Amino acid sequence: MKEDFLHYVWKFQKFTTPTLLTVDEKPIQIFKTGQHNYLAGPDFFDGRISIGNQKWAGNIEIHINSSDWYAHSHEKDIAYDNVILHVVFNHDVEIYRKDHTIIPTLELKNYIPSEILQNYNALFSKNKKFINCEQRFTEVDSLIVENWVERLFIERLELKSGLLQSRLAVLQNHWEALLFEMLCKNFGSKVNGASFLSIAQSVTFHVIQKCRHSPLMLETLLLGQSGLLDSDINDSYFKAQKKEYAFLKQKFQLDSSSVIKPQFFRLRPPNFPTIRLSQLASLYSSTPQLFSKVSTIKSIEELISIFKISALPYWESHYNYGVASKKSSRKLTPNFIHLLIINTIIPLQFAFQKFIGIEDSERLFELAQQLPSEKNSIIEKFNKLKPIAKTALESQALLQLKTSYCDKLRCLECAIGNQLLKH
């Protein structure tokens, strides 16, 4: 058993009877359980109770055993001086205040409904393979899942927005520069995301703006900063770019020492960093004021049309320098465009709305619902339990559920976990 289960029992007053007694058999009446505190300090602030004929206002502390009070050294911490009730599962020792008066204790052992305790033990059994509730996931009411999914989607956007706002402050509120960094990261996908982000952050955005009039110049700049022009290859395109990059490096005083070199290992050729960086250069050269466009577009078709670009002509017959391949257009695939919109554009629109004080979550819901669900092992496993993810809204919500709740065992803070505890 973990303390968060006792937090749940106290917060929602899941008791077998409304008649509660302290361990010394004084009646307890709860007027207000208090504000749940997820940070350091007592577990619930500003509770309101009566013990016997005495009314109390103050904090509530919860432990598995009474002796945990001393194990956690609360007797030495002034933050716990205002605790009016100690709620425990098992009372094994008396707890005293600094003035040597006993802190009243409520022992929950005999007040927790057996059904809830059984459901809790089943939820946290060691038999899980994917998530704690996988054996009972299908039992959850669809309406509860639907409402929770919408909340999780917004929660995921809030999380991403916080990260974007932090970076925006570093960039002195330059939204175009922020968009460039985020697109770089997501053009690199999982394997080269950190590498591409380091490339973007190794060059001030005004240099990107000076080079974006020429797709070839911008491509050369990105490939040069990536370190992919550092070797010697007997290829005329490579040699021309290496020479041009040397000029750009001198002109703009470029430094690539902080760049993480991109990887080719285990990547399919269309995802090679050479192709992706060329496509990124093509995108930025073909679309001036990109942020102004993507931040206001409400139509998914218009957004998709912006990303219908290809790598530069050399790459139509190459995936790497000096190695010829079958000629074909190196366009961004629909699936890749969808991922860029899901992971870059929608979070950025959400962050920008918060920045300017406008909230239009419904529009973001509509955009996400017009995109198909992402395909990865997490989504596949959830859909095997219950077919939930049909659109990007649901798949993003399920990713948030897995990483922020299931993996962190926050089942008691999850609407699905709460439903399974009750039934």
Protein backbone atom coordinates (compact mmCIF):
# COMPACT_ATOMS: atom_id res chain seq x y z
CA MET A 1 0.00 0.00 0.00
CA LYS A 2 1.13 3.54 -0.76
CA GLU A 3 0.20 6.78 0.95
CA ASP A 4 -1.53 8.10 -2.15
CA PHE A 5 -4.24 5.45 -1.62
CA LEU A 6 -4.90 6.86 1.85
CA HIS A 7 -4.91 10.37 0.30
CA TYR A 8 -7.65 9.14 -2.05
CA VAL A 9 -9.67 7.61 0.79
CA TRP A 10 -9.43 10.79 2.86
CA LYS A 11 -9.99 13.25 0.00
CA PHE A 12 -13.12 11.52 -1.28
CA GLN A 13 -14.20 10.24 2.16
CA LYS A 14 -14.45 6.63 1.08
CA PHE A 15 -15.37 5.34 4.51
CA THR A 16 -17.57 2.40 5.52
CA THR A 17 -19.46 4.68 7.90
CA PRO A 18 -19.85 8.45 8.46
CA THR A 19 -19.26 7.82 12.17
CA LEU A 20 -15.51 8.12 12.67
CA LEU A 21 -13.61 7.87 15.92
CA THR A 22 -10.06 8.77 16.88
CA VAL A 23 -7.92 5.99 18.34
CA ASP A 24 -8.95 7.22 21.81
CA GLU A 25 -12.61 6.94 20.71
CA LYS A 26 -13.52 10.59 20.30
CA PRO A 27 -16.03 11.30 17.48
CA ILE A 28 -14.68 13.08 14.38
CA GLN A 29 -16.79 15.20 12.07
CA ILE A 30 -15.29 16.34 8.76
CA PHE A 31 -16.44 19.69 7.40
CA LYS A 32 -13.62 20.14 4.89
CA THR A 33 -10.92 17.59 3.99
CA GLY A 34 -8.53 20.40 3.00
CA GLN A 35 -6.57 21.37 -0.08
CA HIS A 36 -4.48 18.50 -1.42
CA ASN A 37 -0.80 19.46 -1.31
CA TYR A 38 1.41 17.72 -3.90
CA LEU A 39 4.59 19.52 -2.78
CA ALA A 40 6.64 19.39 0.42
CA GLY A 41 4.77 19.85 3.69
CA PRO A 42 1.55 18.44 5.18
CA ASP A 43 -0.62 16.44 2.79
CA PHE A 44 -3.75 18.59 3.12
CA PHE A 45 -3.87 22.28 3.97
CA ASP A 46 -6.63 24.14 5.75
CA GLY A 47 -8.83 21.26 6.83
CA ARG A 48 -11.92 21.81 8.98
CA ILE A 49 -12.95 19.15 11.50
CA SER A 50 -14.36 18.70 14.96
CA ILE A 51 -13.07 16.21 17.53
CA GLY A 52 -15.53 15.71 20.32
CA ASN A 53 -16.95 19.17 21.00
CA GLN A 54 -13.81 20.99 19.83
CA LYS A 55 -13.64 22.49 16.31
CA TRP A 56 -10.27 22.58 14.58
CA ALA A 57 -8.85 24.36 11.52
CA GLY A 58 -5.45 23.37 10.23
CA ASN A 59 -3.47 20.78 8.29
CA ILE A 60 -3.92 17.03 7.88
CA GLU A 61 -0.96 14.64 7.62
CA ILE A 62 -1.35 11.11 6.28
CA HIS A 63 0.93 8.07 6.73
CA ILE A 64 0.79 4.30 6.44
CA ASN A 65 1.97 3.91 10.04
CA SER A 66 1.86 6.45 12.86
CA SER A 67 5.59 5.89 13.41
CA ASP A 68 6.27 7.29 9.92
CA TRP A 69 5.86 10.71 11.56
CA TYR A 70 9.16 10.15 13.34
CA ALA A 71 10.73 8.24 10.45
CA HIS A 72 10.21 11.37 8.33
CA SER A 73 11.46 13.67 11.11
CA HIS A 74 8.25 15.74 11.14
CA GLU A 75 8.69 16.38 14.85
CA LYS A 76 11.66 18.61 13.93
CA ASP A 77 9.90 20.50 11.13
CA ILE A 78 7.93 23.65 11.97
CA ALA A 79 5.84 23.09 8.80
CA TYR A 80 4.02 20.36 10.74
CA ASP A 81 3.28 22.38 13.89
CA ASN A 82 -0.24 23.13 12.66
CA VAL A 83 -1.30 19.52 12.04
CA ILE A 84 -4.70 18.95 13.65
CA LEU A 85 -5.21 15.31 12.65
CA HIS A 86 -2.90 12.43 11.83
CA VAL A 87 -4.62 9.99 9.45
CA VAL A 88 -2.97 6.56 9.27
CA PHE A 89 -3.74 3.04 8.12
CA ASN A 90 -2.08 1.48 11.13
CA HIS A 91 -1.66 3.17 14.50
CA ASP A 92 1.52 1.81 16.10
CA VAL A 93 2.74 4.72 18.28
CA GLU A 94 1.44 7.93 19.83
CA ILE A 95 2.51 11.19 18.13
CA TYR A 96 3.22 14.30 20.17
CA ARG A 97 3.48 17.98 19.38
CA LYS A 98 6.44 20.03 20.55
CA ASP A 99 4.42 21.09 23.59
CA HIS A 100 3.99 17.36 24.42
CA THR A 101 0.26 17.26 23.63
CA ILE A 102 -0.92 14.27 21.61
CA ILE A 103 -1.87 14.83 17.99
CA PRO A 104 -5.29 13.17 17.45
CA THR A 105 -5.08 10.12 15.20
CA LEU A 106 -7.63 8.53 12.89
CA GLU A 107 -6.82 4.88 12.07
CA LEU A 108 -8.37 3.96 8.71
CA LYS A 109 -7.77 0.23 8.88
CA ASN A 110 -11.36 -0.55 9.88
CA TYR A 111 -13.02 2.26 7.92
CA ILE A 112 -11.95 1.44 4.35
CA PRO A 113 -14.54 -0.57 2.37
CA SER A 114 -13.17 -4.04 1.61
CA GLU A 115 -14.22 -3.73 -2.06
CA ILE A 116 -12.13 -0.58 -2.56
CA LEU A 117 -9.16 -2.15 -0.79
CA GLN A 118 -9.44 -5.28 -2.94
CA ASN A 119 -9.69 -3.18 -6.11
CA TYR A 120 -6.66 -1.17 -5.04
CA ASN A 121 -4.60 -4.31 -4.39
CA ALA A 122 -5.67 -5.74 -7.74
CA LEU A 123 -4.78 -2.47 -9.50
CA PHE A 124 -1.28 -2.49 -8.06
CA SER A 125 -0.62 -6.20 -8.35
CA LYS A 126 2.68 -7.33 -9.85
CA ASN A 127 1.01 -9.09 -12.79
CA LYS A 128 0.86 -6.07 -15.09
CA LYS A 129 2.80 -6.09 -18.34
CA PHE A 130 1.85 -2.76 -19.92
CA ILE A 131 -0.22 -0.70 -17.46
CA ASN A 132 -1.62 -1.45 -14.01
CA CYS A 133 -5.24 -1.64 -15.10
CA GLU A 134 -4.78 -3.63 -18.32
CA GLN A 135 -6.86 -6.58 -17.01
CA ARG A 136 -9.89 -4.32 -16.36
CA PHE A 137 -9.35 -1.50 -18.88
CA THR A 138 -12.32 -2.61 -21.01
CA GLU A 139 -14.67 -2.25 -18.01
CA VAL A 140 -14.33 1.53 -17.87
CA ASP A 141 -17.36 3.48 -19.07
CA SER A 142 -16.77 4.96 -22.52
CA LEU A 143 -18.09 8.38 -21.46
CA ILE A 144 -15.52 8.55 -18.65
CA VAL A 145 -12.75 7.62 -21.09
CA GLU A 146 -13.93 10.20 -23.63
CA ASN A 147 -13.99 13.03 -21.09
CA TRP A 148 -10.64 11.99 -19.64
CA VAL A 149 -9.07 11.85 -23.11
CA GLU A 150 -10.07 15.47 -23.78
CA ARG A 151 -8.59 16.54 -20.46
CA LEU A 152 -5.37 14.62 -21.15
CA PHE A 153 -5.02 16.24 -24.57
CA ILE A 154 -5.18 19.72 -23.02
CA GLU A 155 -2.85 18.61 -20.24
CA ARG A 156 -0.30 17.48 -22.83
CA LEU A 157 -0.58 20.82 -24.62
CA GLU A 158 -0.13 22.63 -21.30
CA LEU A 159 3.03 20.62 -20.63
CA LYS A 160 4.47 21.37 -24.07
CA SER A 161 3.42 25.01 -23.79
CA GLY A 162 5.41 25.38 -20.58
CA LEU A 163 8.55 24.12 -22.32
CA LEU A 164 7.94 26.42 -25.29
CA GLN A 165 7.39 29.45 -23.05
CA SER A 166 10.69 28.78 -21.27
CA ARG A 167 12.57 28.65 -24.55
CA LEU A 168 10.69 31.69 -25.88
CA ALA A 169 12.02 33.76 -22.97
CA VAL A 170 15.58 32.81 -23.95
CA LEU A 171 14.81 33.85 -27.54
CA GLN A 172 13.42 37.19 -26.33
CA ASN A 173 9.88 36.41 -27.54
CA HIS A 174 11.00 35.69 -31.11
CA TRP A 175 8.25 33.32 -32.26
CA GLU A 176 9.76 32.76 -35.72
CA ALA A 177 13.02 31.62 -34.11
CA LEU A 178 11.12 29.33 -31.74
CA LEU A 179 9.21 27.76 -34.63
CA PHE A 180 12.47 27.15 -36.49
CA GLU A 181 13.99 25.39 -33.49
CA MET A 182 10.93 23.22 -32.93
CA LEU A 183 10.69 22.28 -36.61
CA CYS A 184 14.37 21.37 -36.63
CA LYS A 185 13.88 19.12 -33.63
CA ASN A 186 10.88 17.37 -35.13
CA PHE A 187 12.41 17.05 -38.59
CA GLY A 188 15.08 15.03 -36.80
CA SER A 189 12.42 12.75 -35.28
CA LYS A 190 13.37 10.48 -32.38
CA VAL A 191 16.84 9.48 -33.61
CA ASN A 192 18.15 12.90 -34.63
CA GLY A 193 15.83 15.26 -32.77
CA ALA A 194 18.47 16.34 -30.26
CA SER A 195 21.05 16.67 -33.03
CA PHE A 196 18.84 18.84 -35.26
CA LEU A 197 17.87 21.02 -32.31
CA SER A 198 21.55 21.56 -31.52
CA ILE A 199 22.09 22.61 -35.15
CA ALA A 200 19.27 25.16 -34.90
CA GLN A 201 20.61 26.53 -31.64
CA SER A 202 24.16 26.80 -32.97
CA VAL A 203 23.11 29.54 -35.41
CA THR A 204 21.39 32.80 -34.51
CA PHE A 205 18.09 33.09 -36.34
CA HIS A 206 19.08 36.28 -38.16
CA VAL A 207 21.68 34.16 -40.03
CA ILE A 208 18.91 31.77 -41.08
CA GLN A 209 16.90 34.76 -42.30
CA LYS A 210 19.86 36.06 -44.33
CA CYS A 211 20.29 32.67 -46.02
CA ARG A 212 16.68 31.65 -46.54
CA HIS A 213 16.35 33.51 -49.88
CA SER A 214 18.45 30.72 -51.40
CA PRO A 215 17.44 27.08 -50.73
CA LEU A 216 20.94 25.92 -51.67
CA MET A 217 22.64 28.39 -49.33
CA LEU A 218 20.37 27.46 -46.43
CA GLU A 219 20.88 23.76 -47.09
CA THR A 220 24.64 24.30 -47.16
CA LEU A 221 24.50 26.18 -43.87
CA LEU A 222 22.52 23.42 -42.12
CA LEU A 223 24.57 20.56 -43.53
CA GLY A 224 27.79 22.40 -42.72
CA GLN A 225 26.77 23.04 -39.12
CA SER A 226 25.77 19.39 -38.79
CA GLY A 227 29.33 18.26 -39.51
CA LEU A 228 28.31 16.34 -42.64
CA LEU A 229 30.65 18.46 -44.77
CA ASP A 230 33.72 17.78 -42.63
CA SER A 231 35.02 14.79 -44.62
CA ASP A 232 36.50 14.62 -48.17
CA ILE A 233 34.22 13.08 -50.80
CA ASN A 234 34.89 13.00 -54.52
CA ASP A 235 31.56 14.52 -55.54
CA SER A 236 31.11 17.87 -57.27
CA TYR A 237 27.98 18.82 -55.25
CA PHE A 238 29.76 18.00 -52.01
CA LYS A 239 32.86 19.97 -52.96
CA ALA A 240 30.82 23.01 -53.98
CA GLN A 241 28.90 22.96 -50.71
CA LYS A 242 32.03 22.49 -48.64
CA LYS A 243 33.58 25.53 -50.30
CA GLU A 244 30.41 27.59 -49.83
CA TYR A 245 30.15 26.56 -46.18
CA ALA A 246 33.72 27.68 -45.53
CA PHE A 247 32.72 31.11 -46.85
CA LEU A 248 29.53 31.22 -44.72
CA LYS A 249 31.43 30.09 -41.65
CA GLN A 250 33.91 32.93 -42.06
CA LYS A 251 31.25 35.50 -42.96
CA PHE A 252 28.92 34.77 -40.02
CA GLN A 253 31.58 33.60 -37.57
CA LEU A 254 29.82 30.27 -37.18
CA ASP A 255 30.67 27.79 -34.43
CA SER A 256 29.51 24.17 -34.55
CA SER A 257 31.41 22.85 -31.53
CA SER A 258 28.18 22.35 -29.55
CA VAL A 259 26.41 20.42 -32.32
CA ILE A 260 25.55 16.76 -31.82
CA LYS A 261 26.47 15.01 -35.05
CA PRO A 262 23.42 13.38 -36.70
CA GLN A 263 23.19 9.61 -37.07
CA PHE A 264 22.38 7.44 -40.10
CA PHE A 265 22.37 4.13 -38.22
CA ARG A 266 19.09 2.19 -38.34
CA LEU A 267 17.36 4.89 -40.37
CA ARG A 268 15.54 4.23 -43.62
CA PRO A 269 17.11 6.31 -46.45
CA PRO A 270 14.13 8.75 -46.67
CA ASN A 271 14.85 9.66 -43.04
CA PHE A 272 18.60 10.25 -43.53
CA PRO A 273 19.71 13.58 -42.04
CA THR A 274 20.90 14.74 -45.47
CA ILE A 275 17.36 14.42 -46.85
CA ARG A 276 15.62 15.91 -43.82
CA LEU A 277 17.93 18.95 -43.61
CA SER A 278 17.47 19.59 -47.32
CA GLN A 279 13.68 19.40 -46.93
CA LEU A 280 13.86 21.80 -44.00
CA ALA A 281 15.89 24.25 -46.10
CA SER A 282 13.35 23.94 -48.89
CA LEU A 283 10.47 24.64 -46.48
CA TYR A 284 12.04 27.79 -45.05
CA SER A 285 13.09 29.12 -48.42
CA SER A 286 9.65 28.64 -49.95
CA THR A 287 7.59 30.13 -47.12
CA PRO A 288 8.50 33.62 -45.82
CA GLN A 289 7.02 34.58 -42.43
CA LEU A 290 6.25 30.95 -41.71
CA PHE A 291 5.14 31.53 -38.12
CA SER A 292 2.63 34.20 -39.13
CA LYS A 293 1.01 31.68 -41.44
CA VAL A 294 0.92 28.58 -39.26
CA SER A 295 -0.17 30.46 -36.13
CA THR A 296 -3.41 31.68 -37.69
CA ILE A 297 -4.39 28.94 -40.14
CA LYS A 298 -7.60 27.17 -39.09
CA SER A 299 -7.87 24.69 -41.96
CA ILE A 300 -5.99 21.40 -41.82
CA GLU A 301 -5.81 21.37 -45.62
CA GLU A 302 -4.04 24.75 -45.65
CA LEU A 303 -1.56 23.56 -43.03
CA ILE A 304 -0.80 20.39 -44.96
CA SER A 305 -0.28 22.37 -48.18
CA ILE A 306 2.52 24.41 -46.54
CA PHE A 307 4.49 21.24 -45.92
CA LYS A 308 4.14 19.85 -49.42
CA ILE A 309 7.79 20.42 -50.25
CA SER A 310 10.69 18.32 -51.52
CA ALA A 311 14.41 18.10 -50.93
CA LEU A 312 16.64 19.96 -53.43
CA PRO A 313 17.18 18.36 -56.89
CA TYR A 314 20.56 16.73 -56.07
CA TRP A 315 18.84 14.52 -53.50
CA GLU A 316 16.36 13.18 -56.05
CA SER A 317 19.09 10.74 -57.08
CA HIS A 318 21.08 10.57 -53.80
CA TYR A 319 20.49 9.77 -50.14
CA ASN A 320 24.06 10.60 -49.22
CA TYR A 321 26.93 12.44 -50.89
CA GLY A 322 28.56 10.62 -53.78
CA VAL A 323 26.23 7.60 -53.66
CA ALA A 324 23.76 7.56 -56.55
CA SER A 325 20.32 5.98 -56.08
CA LYS A 326 17.18 5.46 -58.11
CA LYS A 327 15.71 8.85 -59.01
CA SER A 328 12.53 9.89 -57.20
CA SER A 329 11.04 12.96 -55.59
CA ARG A 330 12.07 13.35 -51.94
CA LYS A 331 8.78 14.83 -50.76
CA LEU A 332 7.58 14.92 -47.20
CA THR A 333 5.15 12.02 -46.79
CA PRO A 334 1.61 12.66 -45.52
CA ASN A 335 2.41 10.73 -42.34
CA PHE A 336 5.49 12.87 -41.64
CA ILE A 337 3.51 16.07 -42.29
CA HIS A 338 0.87 14.92 -39.82
CA LEU A 339 3.54 14.35 -37.17
CA LEU A 340 4.96 17.85 -37.76
CA ILE A 341 1.52 19.37 -37.27
CA ILE A 342 0.80 17.27 -34.17
CA ASN A 343 4.16 17.84 -32.47
CA THR A 344 5.03 21.34 -33.67
CA ILE A 345 2.17 23.43 -35.04
CA ILE A 346 -0.68 22.56 -32.66
CA PRO A 347 1.46 22.97 -29.48
CA LEU A 348 2.86 26.22 -30.85
CA GLN A 349 -0.62 27.56 -31.65
CA PHE A 350 -1.72 26.64 -28.11
CA ALA A 351 1.31 28.40 -26.57
CA PHE A 352 0.76 31.48 -28.73
CA GLN A 353 -2.92 31.66 -27.72
CA LYS A 354 -1.89 31.68 -24.06
CA PHE A 355 0.79 34.29 -24.80
CA ILE A 356 -1.67 36.75 -26.35
CA GLY A 357 -4.45 35.94 -23.88
CA ILE A 358 -6.81 34.16 -26.26
CA GLU A 359 -8.05 30.61 -25.76
CA ASP A 360 -9.52 28.66 -28.64
CA SER A 361 -9.16 25.03 -27.57
CA GLU A 362 -12.05 23.98 -29.78
CA ARG A 363 -10.09 24.92 -32.91
CA LEU A 364 -7.13 22.86 -31.75
CA PHE A 365 -9.47 19.97 -30.96
CA GLU A 366 -10.81 20.18 -34.50
CA LEU A 367 -7.33 20.24 -36.04
CA ALA A 368 -6.21 17.22 -34.00
CA GLN A 369 -9.40 15.33 -34.78
CA GLN A 370 -8.84 15.80 -38.52
CA LEU A 371 -5.47 14.01 -38.32
CA PRO A 372 -5.17 10.23 -38.04
CA SER A 373 -3.90 8.59 -34.90
CA GLU A 374 -0.15 8.21 -34.54
CA LYS A 375 1.25 4.72 -34.96
CA ASN A 376 3.61 3.46 -32.29
CA SER A 377 3.85 0.60 -29.81
CA ILE A 378 2.13 2.51 -26.99
CA ILE A 379 -0.93 3.38 -29.09
CA GLU A 380 -1.12 -0.15 -30.49
CA LYS A 381 -1.13 -1.65 -26.98
CA PHE A 382 -3.84 0.72 -25.75
CA ASN A 383 -5.99 -0.02 -28.81
CA LYS A 384 -5.67 -3.75 -28.17
CA LEU A 385 -7.14 -3.19 -24.71
CA LYS A 386 -9.88 -0.85 -25.96
CA PRO A 387 -10.06 0.74 -29.45
CA ILE A 388 -9.75 4.39 -28.40
CA ALA A 389 -7.25 6.11 -30.69
CA LYS A 390 -8.75 6.95 -34.06
CA THR A 391 -7.43 10.52 -34.35
CA ALA A 392 -4.34 12.43 -33.28
CA LEU A 393 -6.30 13.92 -30.36
CA GLU A 394 -6.81 10.48 -28.83
CA SER A 395 -3.28 9.25 -29.56
CA GLN A 396 -1.74 12.35 -27.97
CA ALA A 397 -3.99 11.87 -24.95
CA LEU A 398 -2.97 8.23 -24.59
CA LEU A 399 0.71 9.15 -24.75
CA GLN A 400 0.07 11.65 -21.95
CA LEU A 401 -1.78 8.98 -19.98
CA LYS A 402 1.06 6.48 -20.33
CA THR A 403 3.99 8.81 -19.59
CA SER A 404 2.43 11.03 -16.92
CA TYR A 405 0.10 8.61 -15.13
CA CYS A 406 0.65 4.91 -15.89
CA ASP A 407 4.46 4.98 -15.84
CA LYS A 408 4.47 7.10 -12.67
CA LEU A 409 1.82 4.91 -10.97
CA ARG A 410 -0.51 7.90 -10.58
CA CYS A 411 -3.54 5.62 -10.92
CA LEU A 412 -5.41 7.35 -8.10
CA GLU A 413 -5.18 10.68 -9.93
CA CYS A 414 -6.48 9.11 -13.14
CA ALA A 415 -10.18 9.08 -14.02
CA ILE A 416 -9.83 5.48 -15.26
CA GLY A 417 -8.09 4.33 -12.06
CA ASN A 418 -10.73 6.09 -9.94
CA GLN A 419 -13.52 4.36 -11.82
CA LEU A 420 -11.93 0.94 -11.33
CA LEU A 421 -11.47 1.56 -7.60
CA LYS A 422 -15.16 2.29 -7.18
CA HIS A 423 -16.39 -0.77 -9.05
